[in-house]
Amino acid sequence: MQIFVRWFLRMSLVWLGVGMLLALVMAFDPVRVPMVRLAHAHALLAGFVSMMIFGVAYHVLPRFSGRPLESSRLAMAHLWVANLGLVAIVAGWLSAGLLPGTWAWLHRGGAVAFALGAALFIYNIWKTLEAPKWTVQPRT
């Protein structure tokens, strides 16, 4: 298993932990629910679910297609850009409740970074799945 695949899976588990921690905050301090809800949702959906999908896809899709991954370097860049963007998104949502008006740049910048990471993923997998030219002659 390639190193970036392992790190996508590990980061998925980290984001699951962050999401569960935020769920506990909401469960034990209901007053904070409006401040924490969106950070919790992004940690679980963009963090846990997306990172797990990215990691599994990077591992499985090249094998299913019978072609090597287009670029391991792009996959590693995706790992960093998406996770740093997600940190900014979650921090932005958490700070929105504490410091109204100062969080928008953090959240938006994180969203752009996460989207850039997704674009790297799309490009990398698309190029990997491009159909190779067939060289086998049809049966007569």
Protein backbone atom coordinates (compact mmCIF):
# COMPACT_ATOMS: atom_id res chain seq x y z
CA MET A 1 0.00 0.00 0.00
CA GLN A 2 1.42 3.36 -0.98
CA ILE A 3 2.28 5.88 1.73
CA PHE A 4 -0.28 8.46 0.64
CA VAL A 5 -3.02 5.80 0.76
CA ARG A 6 -2.09 4.96 4.35
CA TRP A 7 -2.10 8.66 5.24
CA PHE A 8 -5.50 9.25 3.66
CA LEU A 9 -6.86 6.36 5.74
CA ARG A 10 -5.13 7.63 8.89
CA MET A 11 -6.42 11.16 8.36
CA SER A 12 -9.89 9.71 7.85
CA LEU A 13 -9.64 8.18 11.32
CA VAL A 14 -8.31 11.44 12.78
CA TRP A 15 -11.29 13.31 11.32
CA LEU A 16 -13.64 10.66 12.72
CA GLY A 17 -12.12 11.35 16.13
CA VAL A 18 -12.51 15.12 15.69
CA GLY A 19 -16.13 14.67 14.60
CA MET A 20 -16.91 12.46 17.59
CA LEU A 21 -15.22 14.91 19.97
CA LEU A 22 -17.37 17.71 18.56
CA ALA A 23 -20.44 15.47 18.93
CA LEU A 24 -19.60 15.02 22.61
CA VAL A 25 -19.25 18.78 23.01
CA MET A 26 -22.74 19.21 21.58
CA ALA A 27 -24.15 16.39 23.72
CA PHE A 28 -22.77 17.72 27.00
CA ASP A 29 -23.11 21.45 26.28
CA PRO A 30 -26.25 22.00 24.17
CA VAL A 31 -25.73 25.77 24.25
CA ARG A 32 -22.74 25.26 21.95
CA VAL A 33 -24.68 23.27 19.33
CA PRO A 34 -25.14 26.25 16.95
CA MET A 35 -21.40 27.04 17.18
CA VAL A 36 -20.19 23.47 16.69
CA ARG A 37 -22.73 21.84 14.34
CA LEU A 38 -21.18 22.87 11.01
CA ALA A 39 -17.63 22.07 12.17
CA HIS A 40 -18.89 18.66 13.31
CA ALA A 41 -20.59 18.03 9.95
CA HIS A 42 -17.51 19.03 7.94
CA ALA A 43 -15.18 16.95 10.13
CA LEU A 44 -17.31 13.86 9.54
CA LEU A 45 -18.37 14.32 5.92
CA ALA A 46 -15.44 16.11 4.33
CA GLY A 47 -12.98 14.62 6.80
CA PHE A 48 -13.90 11.06 7.67
CA VAL A 49 -16.01 10.09 4.66
CA SER A 50 -14.10 11.92 1.91
CA MET A 51 -10.63 10.98 3.15
CA MET A 52 -11.70 7.34 3.42
CA ILE A 53 -13.11 7.44 -0.12
CA PHE A 54 -9.98 9.13 -1.47
CA GLY A 55 -7.68 6.61 0.22
CA VAL A 56 -9.65 3.57 -0.89
CA ALA A 57 -10.07 4.95 -4.42
CA TYR A 58 -6.34 5.63 -4.80
CA HIS A 59 -5.64 2.06 -3.72
CA VAL A 60 -8.38 0.20 -5.60
CA LEU A 61 -9.11 2.05 -8.84
CA PRO A 62 -5.67 1.63 -10.42
CA ARG A 63 -5.89 -2.09 -9.66
CA PHE A 64 -9.40 -2.38 -11.08
CA SER A 65 -8.38 -0.53 -14.23
CA GLY A 66 -5.15 -2.48 -14.64
CA ARG A 67 -3.18 0.75 -14.96
CA PRO A 68 -0.78 2.46 -12.58
CA LEU A 69 -1.85 5.65 -10.86
CA GLU A 70 -1.12 8.64 -13.06
CA SER A 71 0.84 10.52 -10.38
CA SER A 72 1.78 9.64 -6.82
CA ARG A 73 3.07 13.19 -6.40
CA LEU A 74 -0.36 14.63 -7.23
CA ALA A 75 -1.94 12.22 -4.74
CA MET A 76 0.45 13.41 -2.01
CA ALA A 77 -0.26 17.05 -2.91
CA HIS A 78 -3.97 16.25 -2.71
CA LEU A 79 -3.47 14.77 0.77
CA TRP A 80 -1.79 17.93 2.08
CA VAL A 81 -3.95 20.52 0.33
CA ALA A 82 -7.25 18.83 1.24
CA ASN A 83 -6.36 18.25 4.89
CA LEU A 84 -4.96 21.73 5.44
CA GLY A 85 -8.06 23.13 3.77
CA LEU A 86 -10.26 21.03 6.01
CA VAL A 87 -8.44 22.24 9.12
CA ALA A 88 -9.16 25.80 8.00
CA ILE A 89 -12.82 25.01 7.30
CA VAL A 90 -13.38 23.40 10.70
CA ALA A 91 -11.43 26.13 12.51
CA GLY A 92 -13.40 28.75 10.61
CA TRP A 93 -16.74 27.27 11.66
CA LEU A 94 -15.60 26.93 15.27
CA SER A 95 -14.29 30.49 15.43
CA ALA A 96 -17.48 31.86 13.84
CA GLY A 97 -19.27 31.34 17.13
CA LEU A 98 -16.47 32.81 19.21
CA LEU A 99 -15.35 35.71 17.05
CA PRO A 100 -18.21 36.72 14.73
CA GLY A 101 -17.08 38.40 11.54
CA THR A 102 -13.46 37.25 11.62
CA TRP A 103 -13.90 33.67 10.46
CA ALA A 104 -15.07 34.09 6.87
CA TRP A 105 -11.61 34.35 5.28
CA LEU A 106 -10.45 31.21 7.12
CA HIS A 107 -13.49 29.18 6.13
CA ARG A 108 -13.46 30.36 2.51
CA GLY A 109 -9.74 29.83 2.08
CA GLY A 110 -10.11 26.32 3.47
CA ALA A 111 -12.99 25.62 1.12
CA VAL A 112 -10.90 26.71 -1.87
CA ALA A 113 -8.00 24.51 -0.73
CA PHE A 114 -10.26 21.49 -0.20
CA ALA A 115 -11.82 22.03 -3.65
CA LEU A 116 -8.35 22.27 -5.18
CA GLY A 117 -7.48 18.95 -3.55
CA ALA A 118 -10.64 17.42 -5.01
CA ALA A 119 -9.67 18.77 -8.44
CA LEU A 120 -6.27 17.08 -8.13
CA PHE A 121 -8.05 13.83 -7.26
CA ILE A 122 -10.42 14.13 -10.23
CA TYR A 123 -7.57 14.80 -12.64
CA ASN A 124 -5.38 12.03 -11.25
CA ILE A 125 -8.08 9.37 -11.28
CA TRP A 126 -9.46 10.49 -14.65
CA LYS A 127 -6.03 10.13 -16.25
CA THR A 128 -5.58 6.76 -14.55
CA LEU A 129 -8.88 5.44 -15.87
CA GLU A 130 -8.40 6.55 -19.46
CA ALA A 131 -8.95 3.55 -21.63
CA PRO A 132 -5.75 2.10 -23.06
CA LYS A 133 -5.60 1.36 -26.77
CA TRP A 134 -6.50 -2.22 -27.53
CA THR A 135 -3.88 -4.18 -29.41
CA VAL A 136 -5.69 -7.53 -29.54
CA GLN A 137 -7.11 -8.46 -32.91
CA PRO A 138 -10.80 -9.45 -32.94
CA ARG A 139 -11.60 -13.13 -33.53
CA THR A 140 -12.76 -14.11 -36.99
